[in-house]
Amino acid sequence: METKEKNRCGWSLKDKLYMDYHDHEWGTPNHDDRHLFEMLNLEGAQAGLSWYTVLTKRENYRKAFDNWDAKKIARYDEKKVEALMQNEGIIRNRLKINATITNAKAFLSVQKEFGTFDKYIWSFVQHKPLINHFKSMSEVPAKTAISDAMSKDLLKRGFKFVGSTICYAYMQATGMVNDHITDCWKRKK
C-alpha cells in the first residue's frame, strides 16, 4: 500500500528532526510563556550558526538551563556560567550564555509589567498570526518592519541577541507569522 508523502516547506526536508519540527511546531501559534522564552533564547543561540545545529542540541539546552525556568536562570552566577561553558551539549559561547541570563531578567520584568510575556510579544501582531501567501521559500523575507519594531523594543528592554532577523525567525517559530508555503500541507491545514 502506497503512502503519499506530504508536501512540506523545502527547508524541512533534511531529516526527521527537521520534519517533526516543521510539522508540529514551526508556524503554529504558541502562547506559553516558558516556550516563548525558550524559543527567544534558542533563536539567539543560532546567531552565526544553522538552526539545525541548535535544534539538535535543544534537549541539552533544556537540561542545562533548568527547562527554561526564567526565575532560576536570572539567578545564575559566574560559577554556573563556567559550568555551562564546559557543557559540550550546548553552544559554548560566553556572550550567548550571559545573554540568556540577561534575557531571563528582562523576561521577568516584561511579565511583571504585562502580566505575561505572551501579552507583550503577541501585541506586535495585534494578538493574531500574520498569514503570508508565499509560493516558495525564496519569497520569505529575512526581516520585516514588525520584526524591526520588535527588535528595537526588546533591545530597549535589555534583551540581547534579538536583532530583527532573529526576531523574524522567532515570529515564524512561534506562529506569530505563518510562512508555510502555499502548497505545504501545514499551510493548507
C-alpha atoms as a PDB file:
ATOM      1  CA  MET A   1       0.000   0.000   0.000  1.00  0.00           C
ATOM      2  CA  GLU A   2       1.440   3.364  -1.035  1.00  0.00           C
ATOM      3  CA  THR A   3       1.688   6.238   1.396  1.00  0.00           C
ATOM      4  CA  LYS A   4       1.529   9.645  -0.192  1.00  0.00           C
ATOM      5  CA  GLU A   5       4.257  11.905   1.202  1.00  0.00           C
ATOM      6  CA  LYS A   6       3.068  15.269   2.487  1.00  0.00           C
ATOM      7  CA  ASN A   7       4.221  18.411   0.709  1.00  0.00           C
ATOM      8  CA  ARG A   8       6.389  20.391   3.112  1.00  0.00           C
ATOM      9  CA  CYS A   9       8.368  23.606   3.055  1.00  0.00           C
ATOM     10  CA  GLY A  10      11.678  22.785   1.359  1.00  0.00           C
ATOM     11  CA  TRP A  11      13.867  23.725   4.340  1.00  0.00           C
ATOM     12  CA  SER A  12      12.312  20.946   6.436  1.00  0.00           C
ATOM     13  CA  LEU A  13      13.273  18.031   4.218  1.00  0.00           C
ATOM     14  CA  LYS A  14      16.767  17.486   5.656  1.00  0.00           C
ATOM     15  CA  ASP A  15      15.744  14.718   8.080  1.00  0.00           C
ATOM     16  CA  LYS A  16      13.115  13.546  10.562  1.00  0.00           C
ATOM     17  CA  LEU A  17      14.147  16.077  13.224  1.00  0.00           C
ATOM     18  CA  TYR A  18      13.505  18.952  10.839  1.00  0.00           C
ATOM     19  CA  MET A  19      10.280  17.411   9.529  1.00  0.00           C
ATOM     20  CA  ASP A  20       8.936  16.902  13.061  1.00  0.00           C
ATOM     21  CA  TYR A  21       9.816  20.485  13.991  1.00  0.00           C
ATOM     22  CA  HIS A  22       8.117  21.735  10.823  1.00  0.00           C
ATOM     23  CA  ASP A  23       5.026  19.541  11.245  1.00  0.00           C
ATOM     24  CA  HIS A  24       4.424  20.091  14.961  1.00  0.00           C
ATOM     25  CA  GLU A  25       5.850  23.466  15.883  1.00  0.00           C
ATOM     26  CA  TRP A  26       7.057  25.922  13.232  1.00  0.00           C
ATOM     27  CA  GLY A  27       4.320  28.343  12.272  1.00  0.00           C
ATOM     28  CA  THR A  28       1.943  27.018  14.942  1.00  0.00           C
ATOM     29  CA  PRO A  29       0.751  29.795  17.279  1.00  0.00           C
ATOM     30  CA  ASN A  30       2.166  29.322  20.761  1.00  0.00           C
ATOM     31  CA  HIS A  31       1.173  31.342  23.816  1.00  0.00           C
ATOM     32  CA  ASP A  32       3.054  29.507  26.576  1.00  0.00           C
ATOM     33  CA  ASP A  33       5.480  31.876  28.298  1.00  0.00           C
ATOM     34  CA  ARG A  34       8.086  29.202  29.005  1.00  0.00           C
ATOM     35  CA  HIS A  35       8.070  28.088  25.378  1.00  0.00           C
ATOM     36  CA  LEU A  36       8.210  31.689  24.150  1.00  0.00           C
ATOM     37  CA  PHE A  37      11.226  32.286  26.412  1.00  0.00           C
ATOM     38  CA  GLU A  38      12.915  29.093  25.213  1.00  0.00           C
ATOM     39  CA  MET A  39      12.466  29.977  21.554  1.00  0.00           C
ATOM     40  CA  LEU A  40      13.705  33.540  22.006  1.00  0.00           C
ATOM     41  CA  ASN A  41      16.934  32.232  23.514  1.00  0.00           C
ATOM     42  CA  LEU A  42      17.347  29.379  21.039  1.00  0.00           C
ATOM     43  CA  GLU A  43      16.894  31.768  18.123  1.00  0.00           C
ATOM     44  CA  GLY A  44      19.573  33.968  19.699  1.00  0.00           C
ATOM     45  CA  ALA A  45      21.838  30.947  20.168  1.00  0.00           C
ATOM     46  CA  GLN A  46      21.527  30.319  16.439  1.00  0.00           C
ATOM     47  CA  ALA A  47      23.183  33.650  15.532  1.00  0.00           C
ATOM     48  CA  GLY A  48      26.029  32.814  13.152  1.00  0.00           C
ATOM     49  CA  LEU A  49      25.086  29.128  13.066  1.00  0.00           C
ATOM     50  CA  SER A  50      22.439  26.953  11.454  1.00  0.00           C
ATOM     51  CA  TRP A  51      19.064  26.322  13.066  1.00  0.00           C
ATOM     52  CA  TYR A  52      19.772  22.619  12.647  1.00  0.00           C
ATOM     53  CA  THR A  53      22.772  22.927  14.980  1.00  0.00           C
ATOM     54  CA  VAL A  54      20.559  24.438  17.669  1.00  0.00           C
ATOM     55  CA  LEU A  55      17.698  22.013  17.101  1.00  0.00           C
ATOM     56  CA  THR A  56      19.983  19.003  17.595  1.00  0.00           C
ATOM     57  CA  LYS A  57      21.059  20.479  20.944  1.00  0.00           C
ATOM     58  CA  ARG A  58      17.596  21.512  22.105  1.00  0.00           C
ATOM     59  CA  GLU A  59      17.137  18.799  24.735  1.00  0.00           C
ATOM     60  CA  ASN A  60      20.612  19.523  26.096  1.00  0.00           C
ATOM     61  CA  TYR A  61      19.637  23.187  26.389  1.00  0.00           C
ATOM     62  CA  ARG A  62      16.504  22.274  28.333  1.00  0.00           C
ATOM     63  CA  LYS A  63      18.569  20.286  30.819  1.00  0.00           C
ATOM     64  CA  ALA A  64      21.373  22.839  31.054  1.00  0.00           C
ATOM     65  CA  PHE A  65      19.004  25.811  31.518  1.00  0.00           C
ATOM     66  CA  ASP A  66      16.605  24.303  34.088  1.00  0.00           C
ATOM     67  CA  ASN A  67      13.888  23.630  31.499  1.00  0.00           C
ATOM     68  CA  TRP A  68      13.859  27.336  30.666  1.00  0.00           C
ATOM     69  CA  ASP A  69      12.750  28.447  34.120  1.00  0.00           C
ATOM     70  CA  ALA A  70      13.457  32.190  33.851  1.00  0.00           C
ATOM     71  CA  LYS A  71      13.395  32.704  37.632  1.00  0.00           C
ATOM     72  CA  LYS A  72      16.177  30.150  38.114  1.00  0.00           C
ATOM     73  CA  ILE A  73      18.181  31.385  35.129  1.00  0.00           C
ATOM     74  CA  ALA A  74      18.007  35.000  36.341  1.00  0.00           C
ATOM     75  CA  ARG A  75      19.896  33.867  39.471  1.00  0.00           C
ATOM     76  CA  TYR A  76      22.756  32.130  37.644  1.00  0.00           C
ATOM     77  CA  ASP A  77      26.149  33.246  38.876  1.00  0.00           C
ATOM     78  CA  GLU A  78      29.651  33.093  37.421  1.00  0.00           C
ATOM     79  CA  LYS A  79      30.128  29.541  38.747  1.00  0.00           C
ATOM     80  CA  LYS A  80      27.060  28.422  36.777  1.00  0.00           C
ATOM     81  CA  VAL A  81      28.302  30.252  33.679  1.00  0.00           C
ATOM     82  CA  GLU A  82      31.620  28.394  33.960  1.00  0.00           C
ATOM     83  CA  ALA A  83      29.773  25.070  34.274  1.00  0.00           C
ATOM     84  CA  LEU A  84      27.736  25.911  31.166  1.00  0.00           C
ATOM     85  CA  MET A  85      30.950  26.789  29.323  1.00  0.00           C
ATOM     86  CA  GLN A  86      32.090  23.205  29.960  1.00  0.00           C
ATOM     87  CA  ASN A  87      28.806  21.661  28.758  1.00  0.00           C
ATOM     88  CA  GLU A  88      29.504  20.087  25.363  1.00  0.00           C
ATOM     89  CA  GLY A  89      25.787  19.602  24.771  1.00  0.00           C
ATOM     90  CA  ILE A  90      25.151  23.302  24.175  1.00  0.00           C
ATOM     91  CA  ILE A  91      26.796  26.048  22.171  1.00  0.00           C
ATOM     92  CA  ARG A  92      29.595  27.175  24.452  1.00  0.00           C
ATOM     93  CA  ASN A  93      29.662  30.855  23.698  1.00  0.00           C
ATOM     94  CA  ARG A  94      30.069  33.065  26.764  1.00  0.00           C
ATOM     95  CA  LEU A  95      28.251  36.013  25.175  1.00  0.00           C
ATOM     96  CA  LYS A  96      25.242  33.841  24.338  1.00  0.00           C
ATOM     97  CA  ILE A  97      25.185  32.188  27.770  1.00  0.00           C
ATOM     98  CA  ASN A  98      25.374  35.560  29.511  1.00  0.00           C
ATOM     99  CA  ALA A  99      22.701  36.882  27.138  1.00  0.00           C
ATOM    100  CA  THR A 100      20.366  34.097  28.279  1.00  0.00           C
ATOM    101  CA  ILE A 101      20.794  35.209  31.889  1.00  0.00           C
ATOM    102  CA  THR A 102      20.232  38.845  30.919  1.00  0.00           C
ATOM    103  CA  ASN A 103      17.198  37.807  28.874  1.00  0.00           C
ATOM    104  CA  ALA A 104      15.744  35.930  31.855  1.00  0.00           C
ATOM    105  CA  LYS A 105      15.871  39.115  33.931  1.00  0.00           C
ATOM    106  CA  ALA A 106      14.328  41.185  31.124  1.00  0.00           C
ATOM    107  CA  PHE A 107      11.694  38.492  30.540  1.00  0.00           C
ATOM    108  CA  LEU A 108      10.667  38.589  34.199  1.00  0.00           C
ATOM    109  CA  SER A 109      10.387  42.386  34.015  1.00  0.00           C
ATOM    110  CA  VAL A 110       8.126  42.108  30.976  1.00  0.00           C
ATOM    111  CA  GLN A 111       5.980  39.513  32.745  1.00  0.00           C
ATOM    112  CA  LYS A 112       5.653  41.827  35.733  1.00  0.00           C
ATOM    113  CA  GLU A 113       4.673  44.778  33.527  1.00  0.00           C
ATOM    114  CA  PHE A 114       2.255  42.971  31.176  1.00  0.00           C
ATOM    115  CA  GLY A 115       1.090  40.012  33.258  1.00  0.00           C
ATOM    116  CA  THR A 116       2.543  37.557  30.736  1.00  0.00           C
ATOM    117  CA  PHE A 117       5.283  37.675  28.132  1.00  0.00           C
ATOM    118  CA  ASP A 118       2.686  36.347  25.696  1.00  0.00           C
ATOM    119  CA  LYS A 119       0.556  39.508  26.014  1.00  0.00           C
ATOM    120  CA  TYR A 120       3.614  41.650  25.322  1.00  0.00           C
ATOM    121  CA  ILE A 121       5.193  39.758  22.425  1.00  0.00           C
ATOM    122  CA  TRP A 122       1.963  38.967  20.578  1.00  0.00           C
ATOM    123  CA  SER A 123       0.981  42.651  20.707  1.00  0.00           C
ATOM    124  CA  PHE A 124       3.413  43.203  17.814  1.00  0.00           C
ATOM    125  CA  VAL A 125       0.949  41.308  15.592  1.00  0.00           C
ATOM    126  CA  GLN A 126      -2.210  42.524  17.353  1.00  0.00           C
ATOM    127  CA  HIS A 127      -2.529  39.097  19.055  1.00  0.00           C
ATOM    128  CA  LYS A 128      -3.343  37.382  15.761  1.00  0.00           C
ATOM    129  CA  PRO A 129      -0.997  35.416  13.453  1.00  0.00           C
ATOM    130  CA  LEU A 130       0.029  37.098  10.238  1.00  0.00           C
ATOM    131  CA  ILE A 131      -0.727  34.760   7.345  1.00  0.00           C
ATOM    132  CA  ASN A 132       1.540  35.155   4.339  1.00  0.00           C
ATOM    133  CA  HIS A 133       0.943  33.648   0.908  1.00  0.00           C
ATOM    134  CA  PHE A 134       4.393  32.762  -0.378  1.00  0.00           C
ATOM    135  CA  LYS A 135       4.729  30.203  -3.146  1.00  0.00           C
ATOM    136  CA  SER A 136       8.389  29.478  -2.412  1.00  0.00           C
ATOM    137  CA  MET A 137      10.800  29.992   0.457  1.00  0.00           C
ATOM    138  CA  SER A 138      12.785  32.395  -1.715  1.00  0.00           C
ATOM    139  CA  GLU A 139       9.922  34.891  -1.290  1.00  0.00           C
ATOM    140  CA  VAL A 140      10.085  34.791   2.525  1.00  0.00           C
ATOM    141  CA  PRO A 141      11.780  37.891   3.952  1.00  0.00           C
ATOM    142  CA  ALA A 142      14.609  37.738   6.473  1.00  0.00           C
ATOM    143  CA  LYS A 143      13.055  40.606   8.426  1.00  0.00           C
ATOM    144  CA  THR A 144      10.108  42.989   8.272  1.00  0.00           C
ATOM    145  CA  ALA A 145       9.023  46.326   9.708  1.00  0.00           C
ATOM    146  CA  ILE A 146       7.323  44.386  12.519  1.00  0.00           C
ATOM    147  CA  SER A 147      10.470  42.417  13.373  1.00  0.00           C
ATOM    148  CA  ASP A 148      12.401  45.714  13.264  1.00  0.00           C
ATOM    149  CA  ALA A 149       9.981  47.206  15.808  1.00  0.00           C
ATOM    150  CA  MET A 150      10.086  44.085  17.983  1.00  0.00           C
ATOM    151  CA  SER A 151      13.879  44.051  17.954  1.00  0.00           C
ATOM    152  CA  LYS A 152      14.085  47.725  18.843  1.00  0.00           C
ATOM    153  CA  ASP A 153      11.693  47.334  21.756  1.00  0.00           C
ATOM    154  CA  LEU A 154      13.311  44.143  23.079  1.00  0.00           C
ATOM    155  CA  LEU A 155      16.735  45.810  22.960  1.00  0.00           C
ATOM    156  CA  LYS A 156      15.342  48.846  24.788  1.00  0.00           C
ATOM    157  CA  ARG A 157      14.084  46.474  27.498  1.00  0.00           C
ATOM    158  CA  GLY A 158      17.553  44.939  27.898  1.00  0.00           C
ATOM    159  CA  PHE A 159      17.266  41.750  25.837  1.00  0.00           C
ATOM    160  CA  LYS A 160      20.338  40.501  23.955  1.00  0.00           C
ATOM    161  CA  PHE A 161      20.732  38.622  20.635  1.00  0.00           C
ATOM    162  CA  VAL A 162      17.385  39.958  19.413  1.00  0.00           C
ATOM    163  CA  GLY A 163      18.228  41.623  16.102  1.00  0.00           C
ATOM    164  CA  SER A 164      15.500  41.984  13.503  1.00  0.00           C
ATOM    165  CA  THR A 165      16.431  38.796  11.603  1.00  0.00           C
ATOM    166  CA  ILE A 166      16.407  36.794  14.847  1.00  0.00           C
ATOM    167  CA  CYS A 167      13.046  38.356  15.733  1.00  0.00           C
ATOM    168  CA  TYR A 168      11.548  37.386  12.381  1.00  0.00           C
ATOM    169  CA  ALA A 169      12.765  33.795  12.754  1.00  0.00           C
ATOM    170  CA  TYR A 170      11.268  33.866  16.261  1.00  0.00           C
ATOM    171  CA  MET A 171       7.948  35.077  14.868  1.00  0.00           C
ATOM    172  CA  GLN A 172       7.968  32.170  12.410  1.00  0.00           C
ATOM    173  CA  ALA A 173       8.948  29.639  15.063  1.00  0.00           C
ATOM    174  CA  THR A 174       6.215  30.682  17.493  1.00  0.00           C
ATOM    175  CA  GLY A 175       3.469  31.055  14.900  1.00  0.00           C
ATOM    176  CA  MET A 176       3.201  34.818  15.115  1.00  0.00           C
ATOM    177  CA  VAL A 177       3.660  34.674  11.372  1.00  0.00           C
ATOM    178  CA  ASN A 178       2.714  31.750   9.148  1.00  0.00           C
ATOM    179  CA  ASP A 179       5.262  31.438   6.354  1.00  0.00           C
ATOM    180  CA  HIS A 180       4.422  27.894   5.298  1.00  0.00           C
ATOM    181  CA  ILE A 181       4.474  27.986   1.519  1.00  0.00           C
ATOM    182  CA  THR A 182       1.111  27.750  -0.212  1.00  0.00           C
ATOM    183  CA  ASP A 183       1.450  24.085  -1.270  1.00  0.00           C
ATOM    184  CA  CYS A 184       2.676  22.902   2.165  1.00  0.00           C
ATOM    185  CA  TRP A 185       0.267  20.538   3.918  1.00  0.00           C
ATOM    186  CA  LYS A 186       0.612  22.554   7.118  1.00  0.00           C
ATOM    187  CA  ARG A 187      -0.412  25.713   5.316  1.00  0.00           C
ATOM    188  CA  LYS A 188      -3.493  24.051   3.900  1.00  0.00           C
ATOM    189  CA  LYS A 189      -4.450  22.646   7.312  1.00  0.00           C
END
